């Protein structure tokens, strides 16, 4: 699993950089300031959690437990739901897509709590 999460973290970081460049250069004159800010929040959390997947890879090498694996999958789900919904909202203007975003946020929180629990339990 450590190679899987490292690889997924690396490719998702690559995609986050590409999305950020697309937002900064390709969308700057096409989106309102509000929608561009929403897009940028999606990119920011996308990158944070791509890097978190690399941390999950390291954690798995130290503590190969199912909760570490769970945290990695929760981060991936969070990227898809949180960042994906913000990307879609900003590009389409369909506000109802924002209703999906909190589920991604909950996935992020659950993933971080899983890592916390693995680190502190005896």
PDB file of N, CA and C in Angstrom:
ATOM      1  N   UNK A   1       0.814  -1.201   0.000  1.00  0.00           N
ATOM      2  CA  UNK A   1       0.000   0.000   0.000  1.00  0.00           C
ATOM      3  C   UNK A   1       0.858   1.265   0.000  1.00  0.00           C
ATOM      4  N   UNK A   2       2.058   1.177   0.593  1.00  0.00           N
ATOM      5  CA  UNK A   2       2.850   2.402   0.662  1.00  0.00           C
ATOM      6  C   UNK A   2       3.228   2.908  -0.723  1.00  0.00           C
ATOM      7  N   UNK A   3       3.528   2.016  -1.653  1.00  0.00           N
ATOM      8  CA  UNK A   3       3.838   2.452  -3.027  1.00  0.00           C
ATOM      9  C   UNK A   3       2.597   2.993  -3.714  1.00  0.00           C
ATOM     10  N   UNK A   4       1.469   2.372  -3.469  1.00  0.00           N
ATOM     11  CA  UNK A   4       0.217   2.821  -4.076  1.00  0.00           C
ATOM     12  C   UNK A   4      -0.105   4.248  -3.643  1.00  0.00           C
ATOM     13  N   UNK A   5      -0.050   4.502  -2.335  1.00  0.00           N
ATOM     14  CA  UNK A   5      -0.377   5.838  -1.852  1.00  0.00           C
ATOM     15  C   UNK A   5       0.679   6.864  -2.252  1.00  0.00           C
ATOM     16  N   UNK A   6       1.937   6.444  -2.308  1.00  0.00           N
ATOM     17  CA  UNK A   6       2.974   7.376  -2.760  1.00  0.00           C
ATOM     18  C   UNK A   6       2.728   7.759  -4.219  1.00  0.00           C
ATOM     19  N   UNK A   7       2.454   6.754  -5.051  1.00  0.00           N
ATOM     20  CA  UNK A   7       2.195   7.016  -6.475  1.00  0.00           C
ATOM     21  C   UNK A   7       0.945   7.870  -6.668  1.00  0.00           C
ATOM     22  N   UNK A   8      -0.111   7.545  -5.946  1.00  0.00           N
ATOM     23  CA  UNK A   8      -1.342   8.338  -6.057  1.00  0.00           C
ATOM     24  C   UNK A   8      -1.112   9.771  -5.571  1.00  0.00           C
ATOM     25  N   UNK A   9      -0.361   9.919  -4.490  1.00  0.00           N
ATOM     26  CA  UNK A   9      -0.042  11.256  -4.001  1.00  0.00           C
ATOM     27  C   UNK A   9       0.743  12.059  -5.024  1.00  0.00           C
ATOM     28  N   UNK A  10       1.719  11.405  -5.662  1.00  0.00           N
ATOM     29  CA  UNK A  10       2.535  12.099  -6.657  1.00  0.00           C
ATOM     30  C   UNK A  10       1.706  12.511  -7.871  1.00  0.00           C
ATOM     31  N   UNK A  11       0.870  11.621  -8.386  1.00  0.00           N
ATOM     32  CA  UNK A  11       0.090  11.970  -9.581  1.00  0.00           C
ATOM     33  C   UNK A  11      -0.995  12.990  -9.237  1.00  0.00           C
ATOM     34  N   UNK A  12      -1.567  12.898  -8.050  1.00  0.00           N
ATOM     35  CA  UNK A  12      -2.573  13.888  -7.655  1.00  0.00           C
ATOM     36  C   UNK A  12      -1.939  15.255  -7.411  1.00  0.00           C
ATOM     37  N   UNK A  13      -0.691  15.286  -6.925  1.00  0.00           N
ATOM     38  CA  UNK A  13       0.019  16.564  -6.788  1.00  0.00           C
ATOM     39  C   UNK A  13       0.295  17.147  -8.173  1.00  0.00           C
ATOM     40  N   UNK A  14       0.677  16.302  -9.110  1.00  0.00           N
ATOM     41  CA  UNK A  14       0.893  16.739 -10.494  1.00  0.00           C
ATOM     42  C   UNK A  14      -0.384  17.373 -11.052  1.00  0.00           C
ATOM     43  N   UNK A  15      -1.512  16.696 -10.840  1.00  0.00           N
ATOM     44  CA  UNK A  15      -2.797  17.202 -11.330  1.00  0.00           C
ATOM     45  C   UNK A  15      -3.153  18.517 -10.632  1.00  0.00           C
ATOM     46  N   UNK A  16      -2.857  18.628  -9.336  1.00  0.00           N
ATOM     47  CA  UNK A  16      -3.143  19.871  -8.610  1.00  0.00           C
ATOM     48  C   UNK A  16      -2.332  21.036  -9.172  1.00  0.00           C
ATOM     49  N   UNK A  17      -1.070  20.791  -9.495  1.00  0.00           N
ATOM     50  CA  UNK A  17      -0.232  21.836 -10.089  1.00  0.00           C
ATOM     51  C   UNK A  17      -0.791  22.242 -11.447  1.00  0.00           C
ATOM     52  N   UNK A  18      -1.190  21.255 -12.248  1.00  0.00           N
ATOM     53  CA  UNK A  18      -1.765  21.553 -13.566  1.00  0.00           C
ATOM     54  C   UNK A  18      -3.069  22.332 -13.420  1.00  0.00           C
ATOM     55  N   UNK A  19      -3.898  21.938 -12.457  1.00  0.00           N
ATOM     56  CA  UNK A  19      -5.163  22.653 -12.228  1.00  0.00           C
ATOM     57  C   UNK A  19      -4.897  24.078 -11.768  1.00  0.00           C
ATOM     58  N   UNK A  20      -3.913  24.251 -10.908  1.00  0.00           N
ATOM     59  CA  UNK A  20      -3.569  25.595 -10.447  1.00  0.00           C
ATOM     60  C   UNK A  20      -3.084  26.480 -11.579  1.00  0.00           C
ATOM     61  N   UNK A  21      -2.258  25.920 -12.442  1.00  0.00           N
ATOM     62  CA  UNK A  21      -1.777  26.687 -13.597  1.00  0.00           C
ATOM     63  C   UNK A  21      -2.928  27.016 -14.537  1.00  0.00           C
ATOM     64  N   UNK A  22      -3.808  26.055 -14.749  1.00  0.00           N
ATOM     65  CA  UNK A  22      -4.975  26.280 -15.589  1.00  0.00           C
ATOM     66  C   UNK A  22      -5.841  27.400 -15.021  1.00  0.00           C
ATOM     67  N   UNK A  23      -6.037  27.371 -13.707  1.00  0.00           N
ATOM     68  CA  UNK A  23      -6.833  28.414 -13.064  1.00  0.00           C
ATOM     69  C   UNK A  23      -6.185  29.778 -13.179  1.00  0.00           C
ATOM     70  N   UNK A  24      -4.875  29.830 -12.922  1.00  0.00           N
ATOM     71  CA  UNK A  24      -4.168  31.112 -12.931  1.00  0.00           C
ATOM     72  C   UNK A  24      -4.045  31.711 -14.322  1.00  0.00           C
ATOM     73  N   UNK A  25      -3.887  30.853 -15.327  1.00  0.00           N
ATOM     74  CA  UNK A  25      -3.638  31.365 -16.675  1.00  0.00           C
ATOM     75  C   UNK A  25      -4.827  31.213 -17.618  1.00  0.00           C
ATOM     76  N   UNK A  26      -5.526  30.096 -17.513  1.00  0.00           N
ATOM     77  CA  UNK A  26      -6.611  29.838 -18.444  1.00  0.00           C
ATOM     78  C   UNK A  26      -7.970  30.354 -18.010  1.00  0.00           C
ATOM     79  N   UNK A  27      -8.153  30.481 -16.705  1.00  0.00           N
ATOM     80  CA  UNK A  27      -9.474  30.873 -16.206  1.00  0.00           C
ATOM     81  C   UNK A  27      -9.527  32.297 -15.679  1.00  0.00           C
ATOM     82  N   UNK A  28      -8.382  32.917 -15.525  1.00  0.00           N
ATOM     83  CA  UNK A  28      -8.314  34.241 -14.901  1.00  0.00           C
ATOM     84  C   UNK A  28      -9.260  35.249 -15.540  1.00  0.00           C
ATOM     85  N   UNK A  29      -9.369  35.231 -16.846  1.00  0.00           N
ATOM     86  CA  UNK A  29     -10.219  36.188 -17.554  1.00  0.00           C
ATOM     87  C   UNK A  29     -11.590  35.611 -17.921  1.00  0.00           C
ATOM     88  N   UNK A  30     -11.842  34.362 -17.522  1.00  0.00           N
ATOM     89  CA  UNK A  30     -13.110  33.713 -17.880  1.00  0.00           C
ATOM     90  C   UNK A  30     -14.065  33.536 -16.709  1.00  0.00           C
ATOM     91  N   UNK A  31     -13.527  33.565 -15.494  1.00  0.00           N
ATOM     92  CA  UNK A  31     -14.367  33.385 -14.311  1.00  0.00           C
ATOM     93  C   UNK A  31     -14.451  34.683 -13.532  1.00  0.00           C
ATOM     94  N   UNK A  32     -15.533  34.820 -12.790  1.00  0.00           N
ATOM     95  CA  UNK A  32     -15.629  35.961 -11.879  1.00  0.00           C
ATOM     96  C   UNK A  32     -14.585  35.758 -10.774  1.00  0.00           C
ATOM     97  N   UNK A  33     -14.291  36.815 -10.057  1.00  0.00           N
ATOM     98  CA  UNK A  33     -13.330  36.723  -8.951  1.00  0.00           C
ATOM     99  C   UNK A  33     -13.798  35.702  -7.915  1.00  0.00           C
ATOM    100  N   UNK A  34     -15.108  35.676  -7.645  1.00  0.00           N
ATOM    101  CA  UNK A  34     -15.650  34.721  -6.677  1.00  0.00           C
ATOM    102  C   UNK A  34     -15.441  33.275  -7.138  1.00  0.00           C
ATOM    103  N   UNK A  35     -15.745  33.009  -8.404  1.00  0.00           N
ATOM    104  CA  UNK A  35     -15.599  31.648  -8.918  1.00  0.00           C
ATOM    105  C   UNK A  35     -14.125  31.244  -9.009  1.00  0.00           C
ATOM    106  N   UNK A  36     -13.254  32.167  -9.321  1.00  0.00           N
ATOM    107  CA  UNK A  36     -11.827  31.869  -9.360  1.00  0.00           C
ATOM    108  C   UNK A  36     -11.319  31.548  -7.956  1.00  0.00           C
ATOM    109  N   UNK A  37     -11.800  32.255  -6.967  1.00  0.00           N
ATOM    110  CA  UNK A  37     -11.423  31.969  -5.581  1.00  0.00           C
ATOM    111  C   UNK A  37     -11.887  30.576  -5.174  1.00  0.00           C
ATOM    112  N   UNK A  38     -13.095  30.211  -5.557  1.00  0.00           N
ATOM    113  CA  UNK A  38     -13.619  28.869  -5.269  1.00  0.00           C
ATOM    114  C   UNK A  38     -12.741  27.817  -5.927  1.00  0.00           C
ATOM    115  N   UNK A  39     -12.360  28.039  -7.178  1.00  0.00           N
ATOM    116  CA  UNK A  39     -11.487  27.110  -7.891  1.00  0.00           C
ATOM    117  C   UNK A  39     -10.158  26.970  -7.148  1.00  0.00           C
ATOM    118  N   UNK A  40      -9.600  28.093  -6.713  1.00  0.00           N
ATOM    119  CA  UNK A  40      -8.312  28.085  -6.021  1.00  0.00           C
ATOM    120  C   UNK A  40      -8.375  27.352  -4.677  1.00  0.00           C
ATOM    121  N   UNK A  41      -9.496  27.434  -3.985  1.00  0.00           N
ATOM    122  CA  UNK A  41      -9.656  26.675  -2.739  1.00  0.00           C
ATOM    123  C   UNK A  41      -9.629  25.181  -3.054  1.00  0.00           C
ATOM    124  N   UNK A  42     -10.287  24.786  -4.124  1.00  0.00           N
ATOM    125  CA  UNK A  42     -10.253  23.386  -4.543  1.00  0.00           C
ATOM    126  C   UNK A  42      -8.836  22.920  -4.822  1.00  0.00           C
ATOM    127  N   UNK A  43      -8.066  23.748  -5.530  1.00  0.00           N
ATOM    128  CA  UNK A  43      -6.675  23.406  -5.843  1.00  0.00           C
ATOM    129  C   UNK A  43      -5.855  23.284  -4.560  1.00  0.00           C
ATOM    130  N   UNK A  44      -6.040  24.234  -3.643  1.00  0.00           N
ATOM    131  CA  UNK A  44      -5.265  24.235  -2.394  1.00  0.00           C
ATOM    132  C   UNK A  44      -5.484  22.950  -1.596  1.00  0.00           C
ATOM    133  N   UNK A  45      -6.746  22.577  -1.390  1.00  0.00           N
ATOM    134  CA  UNK A  45      -7.025  21.370  -0.623  1.00  0.00           C
ATOM    135  C   UNK A  45      -6.643  20.107  -1.392  1.00  0.00           C
ATOM    136  N   UNK A  46      -6.731  20.155  -2.687  1.00  0.00           N
ATOM    137  CA  UNK A  46      -6.279  19.059  -3.538  1.00  0.00           C
ATOM    138  C   UNK A  46      -4.797  18.818  -3.270  1.00  0.00           C
ATOM    139  N   UNK A  47      -3.980  19.891  -3.311  1.00  0.00           N
ATOM    140  CA  UNK A  47      -2.547  19.742  -3.099  1.00  0.00           C
ATOM    141  C   UNK A  47      -2.232  19.299  -1.678  1.00  0.00           C
ATOM    142  N   UNK A  48      -2.880  19.910  -0.691  1.00  0.00           N
ATOM    143  CA  UNK A  48      -2.629  19.498   0.690  1.00  0.00           C
ATOM    144  C   UNK A  48      -2.802  17.993   0.852  1.00  0.00           C
ATOM    145  N   UNK A  49      -3.860  17.478   0.256  1.00  0.00           N
ATOM    146  CA  UNK A  49      -4.179  16.072   0.488  1.00  0.00           C
ATOM    147  C   UNK A  49      -3.441  15.130  -0.453  1.00  0.00           C
ATOM    148  N   UNK A  50      -2.933  15.644  -1.558  1.00  0.00           N
ATOM    149  CA  UNK A  50      -2.000  14.856  -2.362  1.00  0.00           C
ATOM    150  C   UNK A  50      -0.721  14.636  -1.545  1.00  0.00           C
ATOM    151  N   UNK A  51      -0.252  15.687  -0.893  1.00  0.00           N
ATOM    152  CA  UNK A  51       0.924  15.561  -0.020  1.00  0.00           C
ATOM    153  C   UNK A  51       0.613  14.681   1.190  1.00  0.00           C
ATOM    154  N   UNK A  52      -0.620  14.763   1.686  1.00  0.00           N
ATOM    155  CA  UNK A  52      -1.018  13.908   2.804  1.00  0.00           C
ATOM    156  C   UNK A  52      -0.939  12.438   2.403  1.00  0.00           C
ATOM    157  N   UNK A  53      -1.225  12.119   1.153  1.00  0.00           N
ATOM    158  CA  UNK A  53      -1.111  10.730   0.693  1.00  0.00           C
ATOM    159  C   UNK A  53       0.333  10.245   0.756  1.00  0.00           C
ATOM    160  N   UNK A  54       1.266  11.129   0.498  1.00  0.00           N
ATOM    161  CA  UNK A  54       2.673  10.753   0.624  1.00  0.00           C
ATOM    162  C   UNK A  54       3.005  10.513   2.101  1.00  0.00           C
ATOM    163  N   UNK A  55       2.423  11.321   2.981  1.00  0.00           N
ATOM    164  CA  UNK A  55       2.580  11.076   4.423  1.00  0.00           C
ATOM    165  C   UNK A  55       1.944   9.744   4.822  1.00  0.00           C
ATOM    166  N   UNK A  56       0.824   9.403   4.219  1.00  0.00           N
ATOM    167  CA  UNK A  56       0.176   8.115   4.488  1.00  0.00           C
ATOM    168  C   UNK A  56       1.111   6.975   4.075  1.00  0.00           C
ATOM    169  N   UNK A  57       1.783   7.137   2.949  1.00  0.00           N
ATOM    170  CA  UNK A  57       2.738   6.136   2.502  1.00  0.00           C
ATOM    171  C   UNK A  57       3.819   5.920   3.555  1.00  0.00           C
ATOM    172  N   UNK A  58       4.342   7.018   4.079  1.00  0.00           N
ATOM    173  CA  UNK A  58       5.354   6.922   5.141  1.00  0.00           C
ATOM    174  C   UNK A  58       4.757   6.264   6.385  1.00  0.00           C
ATOM    175  N   UNK A  59       3.564   6.693   6.795  1.00  0.00           N
ATOM    176  CA  UNK A  59       2.926   6.127   7.985  1.00  0.00           C
ATOM    177  C   UNK A  59       2.702   4.631   7.826  1.00  0.00           C
ATOM    178  N   UNK A  60       2.327   4.214   6.627  1.00  0.00           N
ATOM    179  CA  UNK A  60       2.093   2.789   6.389  1.00  0.00           C
ATOM    180  C   UNK A  60       3.393   1.990   6.519  1.00  0.00           C
ATOM    181  N   UNK A  61       4.522   2.607   6.124  1.00  0.00           N
ATOM    182  CA  UNK A  61       5.808   1.905   6.251  1.00  0.00           C
ATOM    183  C   UNK A  61       6.189   1.730   7.725  1.00  0.00           C
ATOM    184  N   UNK A  62       5.697   2.608   8.600  1.00  0.00           N
ATOM    185  CA  UNK A  62       5.977   2.523  10.039  1.00  0.00           C
ATOM    186  C   UNK A  62       4.949   1.681  10.775  1.00  0.00           C
ATOM    187  N   UNK A  63       3.675   1.892  10.445  1.00  0.00           N
ATOM    188  CA  UNK A  63       2.569   1.237  11.140  1.00  0.00           C
ATOM    189  C   UNK A  63       1.593   0.659  10.105  1.00  0.00           C
ATOM    190  N   UNK A  64       1.923  -0.486   9.527  1.00  0.00           N
ATOM    191  CA  UNK A  64       1.054  -1.038   8.475  1.00  0.00           C
ATOM    192  C   UNK A  64      -0.257  -1.577   9.051  1.00  0.00           C
ATOM    193  N   UNK A  65      -1.204  -0.673   9.202  1.00  0.00           N
ATOM    194  CA  UNK A  65      -2.502  -1.022   9.782  1.00  0.00           C
ATOM    195  C   UNK A  65      -3.619  -0.592   8.848  1.00  0.00           C
ATOM    196  N   UNK A  66      -4.770  -1.197   9.054  1.00  0.00           N
ATOM    197  CA  UNK A  66      -5.909  -0.871   8.198  1.00  0.00           C
ATOM    198  C   UNK A  66      -6.349   0.582   8.345  1.00  0.00           C
ATOM    199  N   UNK A  67      -6.164   1.186   9.524  1.00  0.00           N
ATOM    200  CA  UNK A  67      -6.559   2.585   9.684  1.00  0.00           C
ATOM    201  C   UNK A  67      -5.694   3.527   8.846  1.00  0.00           C
ATOM    202  N   UNK A  68      -4.455   3.172   8.632  1.00  0.00           N
ATOM    203  CA  UNK A  68      -3.599   3.987   7.761  1.00  0.00           C
ATOM    204  C   UNK A  68      -4.130   3.899   6.328  1.00  0.00           C
ATOM    205  N   UNK A  69      -4.445   2.684   5.905  1.00  0.00           N
ATOM    206  CA  UNK A  69      -5.019   2.495   4.574  1.00  0.00           C
ATOM    207  C   UNK A  69      -6.340   3.250   4.447  1.00  0.00           C
ATOM    208  N   UNK A  70      -7.161   3.162   5.462  1.00  0.00           N
ATOM    209  CA  UNK A  70      -8.439   3.877   5.459  1.00  0.00           C
ATOM    210  C   UNK A  70      -8.216   5.372   5.307  1.00  0.00           C
ATOM    211  N   UNK A  71      -7.227   5.913   6.016  1.00  0.00           N
ATOM    212  CA  UNK A  71      -6.968   7.352   5.914  1.00  0.00           C
ATOM    213  C   UNK A  71      -6.593   7.733   4.485  1.00  0.00           C
ATOM    214  N   UNK A  72      -5.793   6.911   3.822  1.00  0.00           N
ATOM    215  CA  UNK A  72      -5.423   7.207   2.435  1.00  0.00           C
ATOM    216  C   UNK A  72      -6.626   7.236   1.511  1.00  0.00           C
ATOM    217  N   UNK A  73      -7.494   6.253   1.643  1.00  0.00           N
ATOM    218  CA  UNK A  73      -8.687   6.231   0.787  1.00  0.00           C
ATOM    219  C   UNK A  73      -9.631   7.383   1.117  1.00  0.00           C
ATOM    220  N   UNK A  74      -9.699   7.756   2.391  1.00  0.00           N
ATOM    221  CA  UNK A  74     -10.528   8.913   2.759  1.00  0.00           C
ATOM    222  C   UNK A  74      -9.979  10.204   2.147  1.00  0.00           C
ATOM    223  N   UNK A  75      -8.663  10.345   2.100  1.00  0.00           N
ATOM    224  CA  UNK A  75      -8.085  11.527   1.458  1.00  0.00           C
ATOM    225  C   UNK A  75      -8.407  11.557  -0.032  1.00  0.00           C
ATOM    226  N   UNK A  76      -8.366  10.409  -0.684  1.00  0.00           N
ATOM    227  CA  UNK A  76      -8.704  10.351  -2.112  1.00  0.00           C
ATOM    228  C   UNK A  76     -10.174  10.698  -2.322  1.00  0.00           C
ATOM    229  N   UNK A  77     -11.039  10.124  -1.504  1.00  0.00           N
ATOM    230  CA  UNK A  77     -12.464  10.450  -1.591  1.00  0.00           C
ATOM    231  C   UNK A  77     -12.675  11.935  -1.335  1.00  0.00           C
ATOM    232  N   UNK A  78     -11.959  12.476  -0.363  1.00  0.00           N
ATOM    233  CA  UNK A  78     -12.070  13.898  -0.060  1.00  0.00           C
ATOM    234  C   UNK A  78     -11.657  14.774  -1.234  1.00  0.00           C
ATOM    235  N   UNK A  79     -10.565  14.412  -1.898  1.00  0.00           N
ATOM    236  CA  UNK A  79     -10.130  15.181  -3.070  1.00  0.00           C
ATOM    237  C   UNK A  79     -11.213  15.164  -4.140  1.00  0.00           C
ATOM    238  N   UNK A  80     -11.762  13.986  -4.381  1.00  0.00           N
ATOM    239  CA  UNK A  80     -12.788  13.862  -5.417  1.00  0.00           C
ATOM    240  C   UNK A  80     -14.025  14.686  -5.056  1.00  0.00           C
ATOM    241  N   UNK A  81     -14.507  14.527  -3.827  1.00  0.00           N
ATOM    242  CA  UNK A  81     -15.751  15.206  -3.439  1.00  0.00           C
ATOM    243  C   UNK A  81     -15.541  16.694  -3.156  1.00  0.00           C
ATOM    244  N   UNK A  82     -14.529  17.037  -2.379  1.00  0.00           N
ATOM    245  CA  UNK A  82     -14.320  18.426  -1.988  1.00  0.00           C
ATOM    246  C   UNK A  82     -13.794  19.234  -3.171  1.00  0.00           C
ATOM    247  N   UNK A  83     -12.605  18.874  -3.626  1.00  0.00           N
ATOM    248  CA  UNK A  83     -12.010  19.654  -4.715  1.00  0.00           C
ATOM    249  C   UNK A  83     -12.805  19.492  -6.002  1.00  0.00           C
ATOM    250  N   UNK A  84     -13.227  18.277  -6.296  1.00  0.00           N
ATOM    251  CA  UNK A  84     -13.990  18.046  -7.521  1.00  0.00           C
ATOM    252  C   UNK A  84     -15.266  18.866  -7.572  1.00  0.00           C
ATOM    253  N   UNK A  85     -15.979  18.943  -6.447  1.00  0.00           N
ATOM    254  CA  UNK A  85     -17.218  19.730  -6.442  1.00  0.00           C
ATOM    255  C   UNK A  85     -16.924  21.218  -6.582  1.00  0.00           C
ATOM    256  N   UNK A  86     -15.825  21.688  -5.990  1.00  0.00           N
ATOM    257  CA  UNK A  86     -15.469  23.103  -6.142  1.00  0.00           C
ATOM    258  C   UNK A  86     -15.030  23.414  -7.570  1.00  0.00           C
ATOM    259  N   UNK A  87     -14.299  22.492  -8.195  1.00  0.00           N
ATOM    260  CA  UNK A  87     -13.930  22.688  -9.599  1.00  0.00           C
ATOM    261  C   UNK A  87     -15.191  22.776 -10.461  1.00  0.00           C
ATOM    262  N   UNK A  88     -16.093  21.820 -10.263  1.00  0.00           N
ATOM    263  CA  UNK A  88     -17.317  21.782 -11.062  1.00  0.00           C
ATOM    264  C   UNK A  88     -18.178  23.020 -10.810  1.00  0.00           C
ATOM    265  N   UNK A  89     -18.313  23.416  -9.553  1.00  0.00           N
ATOM    266  CA  UNK A  89     -19.093  24.610  -9.210  1.00  0.00           C
ATOM    267  C   UNK A  89     -18.524  25.848  -9.886  1.00  0.00           C
ATOM    268  N   UNK A  90     -17.222  26.030  -9.783  1.00  0.00           N
ATOM    269  CA  UNK A  90     -16.623  27.243 -10.346  1.00  0.00           C
ATOM    270  C   UNK A  90     -16.689  27.260 -11.875  1.00  0.00           C
ATOM    271  N   UNK A  91     -16.580  26.108 -12.503  1.00  0.00           N
ATOM    272  CA  UNK A  91     -16.590  26.057 -13.972  1.00  0.00           C
ATOM    273  C   UNK A  91     -17.996  26.126 -14.564  1.00  0.00           C
ATOM    274  N   UNK A  92     -18.987  25.629 -13.808  1.00  0.00           N
ATOM    275  CA  UNK A  92     -20.350  25.597 -14.355  1.00  0.00           C
ATOM    276  C   UNK A  92     -21.264  26.656 -13.758  1.00  0.00           C
ATOM    277  N   UNK A  93     -20.940  27.109 -12.556  1.00  0.00           N
ATOM    278  CA  UNK A  93     -21.816  28.059 -11.869  1.00  0.00           C
ATOM    279  C   UNK A  93     -23.040  27.406 -11.249  1.00  0.00           C
ATOM    280  N   UNK A  94     -23.115  26.088 -11.284  1.00  0.00           N
ATOM    281  CA  UNK A  94     -24.253  25.366 -10.707  1.00  0.00           C
ATOM    282  C   UNK A  94     -24.042  25.269  -9.198  1.00  0.00           C
ATOM    283  N   UNK A  95     -24.750  26.106  -8.463  1.00  0.00           N
ATOM    284  CA  UNK A  95     -24.540  26.260  -7.019  1.00  0.00           C
ATOM    285  C   UNK A  95     -24.852  25.003  -6.210  1.00  0.00           C
ATOM    286  N   UNK A  96     -25.765  24.170  -6.675  1.00  0.00           N
ATOM    287  CA  UNK A  96     -26.138  22.970  -5.926  1.00  0.00           C
ATOM    288  C   UNK A  96     -24.946  22.022  -5.758  1.00  0.00           C
ATOM    289  N   UNK A  97     -23.957  22.139  -6.628  1.00  0.00           N
ATOM    290  CA  UNK A  97     -22.763  21.302  -6.506  1.00  0.00           C
ATOM    291  C   UNK A  97     -22.021  21.579  -5.203  1.00  0.00           C
ATOM    292  N   UNK A  98     -22.210  22.773  -4.664  1.00  0.00           N
ATOM    293  CA  UNK A  98     -21.606  23.106  -3.381  1.00  0.00           C
ATOM    294  C   UNK A  98     -22.119  22.251  -2.237  1.00  0.00           C
ATOM    295  N   UNK A  99     -23.260  21.608  -2.427  1.00  0.00           N
ATOM    296  CA  UNK A  99     -23.808  20.733  -1.389  1.00  0.00           C
ATOM    297  C   UNK A  99     -22.971  19.465  -1.221  1.00  0.00           C
ATOM    298  N   UNK A 100     -22.174  19.125  -2.206  1.00  0.00           N
ATOM    299  CA  UNK A 100     -21.319  17.936  -2.145  1.00  0.00           C
ATOM    300  C   UNK A 100     -20.050  18.220  -1.345  1.00  0.00           C
ATOM    301  N   UNK A 101     -19.599  19.451  -1.381  1.00  0.00           N
ATOM    302  CA  UNK A 101     -18.315  19.834  -0.794  1.00  0.00           C
ATOM    303  C   UNK A 101     -18.154  19.413   0.667  1.00  0.00           C
ATOM    304  N   UNK A 102     -19.144  19.614   1.530  1.00  0.00           N
ATOM    305  CA  UNK A 102     -18.952  19.224   2.940  1.00  0.00           C
ATOM    306  C   UNK A 102     -18.683  17.729   3.140  1.00  0.00           C
ATOM    307  N   UNK A 103     -19.190  16.891   2.252  1.00  0.00           N
ATOM    308  CA  UNK A 103     -18.919  15.456   2.375  1.00  0.00           C
ATOM    309  C   UNK A 103     -17.440  15.172   2.139  1.00  0.00           C
ATOM    310  N   UNK A 104     -16.851  15.913   1.206  1.00  0.00           N
ATOM    311  CA  UNK A 104     -15.410  15.800   1.006  1.00  0.00           C
ATOM    312  C   UNK A 104     -14.645  16.295   2.215  1.00  0.00           C
ATOM    313  N   UNK A 105     -15.121  17.393   2.806  1.00  0.00           N
ATOM    314  CA  UNK A 105     -14.492  17.901   4.022  1.00  0.00           C
ATOM    315  C   UNK A 105     -14.559  16.896   5.165  1.00  0.00           C
ATOM    316  N   UNK A 106     -15.684  16.223   5.289  1.00  0.00           N
ATOM    317  CA  UNK A 106     -15.811  15.181   6.319  1.00  0.00           C
ATOM    318  C   UNK A 106     -14.855  14.020   6.056  1.00  0.00           C
ATOM    319  N   UNK A 107     -14.680  13.669   4.790  1.00  0.00           N
ATOM    320  CA  UNK A 107     -13.723  12.614   4.451  1.00  0.00           C
ATOM    321  C   UNK A 107     -12.301  13.033   4.844  1.00  0.00           C
ATOM    322  N   UNK A 108     -11.947  14.299   4.569  1.00  0.00           N
ATOM    323  CA  UNK A 108     -10.634  14.797   4.987  1.00  0.00           C
ATOM    324  C   UNK A 108     -10.472  14.693   6.505  1.00  0.00           C
ATOM    325  N   UNK A 109     -11.471  15.176   7.240  1.00  0.00           N
ATOM    326  CA  UNK A 109     -11.406  15.127   8.699  1.00  0.00           C
ATOM    327  C   UNK A 109     -11.263  13.695   9.206  1.00  0.00           C
ATOM    328  N   UNK A 110     -12.046  12.792   8.650  1.00  0.00           N
ATOM    329  CA  UNK A 110     -11.979  11.390   9.071  1.00  0.00           C
ATOM    330  C   UNK A 110     -10.610  10.795   8.755  1.00  0.00           C
ATOM    331  N   UNK A 111     -10.047  11.143   7.604  1.00  0.00           N
ATOM    332  CA  UNK A 111      -8.716  10.653   7.254  1.00  0.00           C
ATOM    333  C   UNK A 111      -7.656  11.122   8.224  1.00  0.00           C
ATOM    334  N   UNK A 112      -7.713  12.400   8.599  1.00  0.00           N
ATOM    335  CA  UNK A 112      -6.752  12.932   9.566  1.00  0.00           C
ATOM    336  C   UNK A 112      -6.951  12.299  10.936  1.00  0.00           C
ATOM    337  N   UNK A 113      -8.203  12.065  11.323  1.00  0.00           N
ATOM    338  CA  UNK A 113      -8.441  11.431  12.615  1.00  0.00           C
ATOM    339  C   UNK A 113      -7.906  10.002  12.625  1.00  0.00           C
ATOM    340  N   UNK A 114      -8.054   9.287  11.527  1.00  0.00           N
ATOM    341  CA  UNK A 114      -7.499   7.926  11.444  1.00  0.00           C
ATOM    342  C   UNK A 114      -5.987   7.950  11.653  1.00  0.00           C
ATOM    343  N   UNK A 115      -5.302   8.898  11.021  1.00  0.00           N
ATOM    344  CA  UNK A 115      -3.851   8.994  11.208  1.00  0.00           C
ATOM    345  C   UNK A 115      -3.510   9.343  12.655  1.00  0.00           C
ATOM    346  N   UNK A 116      -4.255  10.255  13.227  1.00  0.00           N
ATOM    347  CA  UNK A 116      -4.052  10.605  14.626  1.00  0.00           C
ATOM    348  C   UNK A 116      -4.188   9.362  15.507  1.00  0.00           C
ATOM    349  N   UNK A 117      -5.243   8.606  15.292  1.00  0.00           N
ATOM    350  CA  UNK A 117      -5.520   7.453  16.128  1.00  0.00           C
ATOM    351  C   UNK A 117      -4.417   6.408  16.009  1.00  0.00           C
ATOM    352  N   UNK A 118      -3.942   6.185  14.809  1.00  0.00           N
ATOM    353  CA  UNK A 118      -2.844   5.217  14.611  1.00  0.00           C
ATOM    354  C   UNK A 118      -1.599   5.665  15.382  1.00  0.00           C
ATOM    355  N   UNK A 119      -1.334   6.960  15.371  1.00  0.00           N
ATOM    356  CA  UNK A 119      -0.126   7.479  16.011  1.00  0.00           C
ATOM    357  C   UNK A 119      -0.187   7.416  17.542  1.00  0.00           C
ATOM    358  N   UNK A 120      -1.381   7.554  18.123  1.00  0.00           N
ATOM    359  CA  UNK A 120      -1.458   7.628  19.583  1.00  0.00           C
ATOM    360  C   UNK A 120      -1.886   6.331  20.260  1.00  0.00           C
ATOM    361  N   UNK A 121      -2.491   5.431  19.524  1.00  0.00           N
ATOM    362  CA  UNK A 121      -2.946   4.207  20.202  1.00  0.00           C
ATOM    363  C   UNK A 121      -1.757   3.308  20.506  1.00  0.00           C
ATOM    364  N   UNK A 122      -1.919   2.516  21.533  1.00  0.00           N
ATOM    365  CA  UNK A 122      -0.816   1.651  21.973  1.00  0.00           C
ATOM    366  C   UNK A 122      -1.012   0.247  21.528  1.00  0.00           C
TER     367      UNK A 122
END
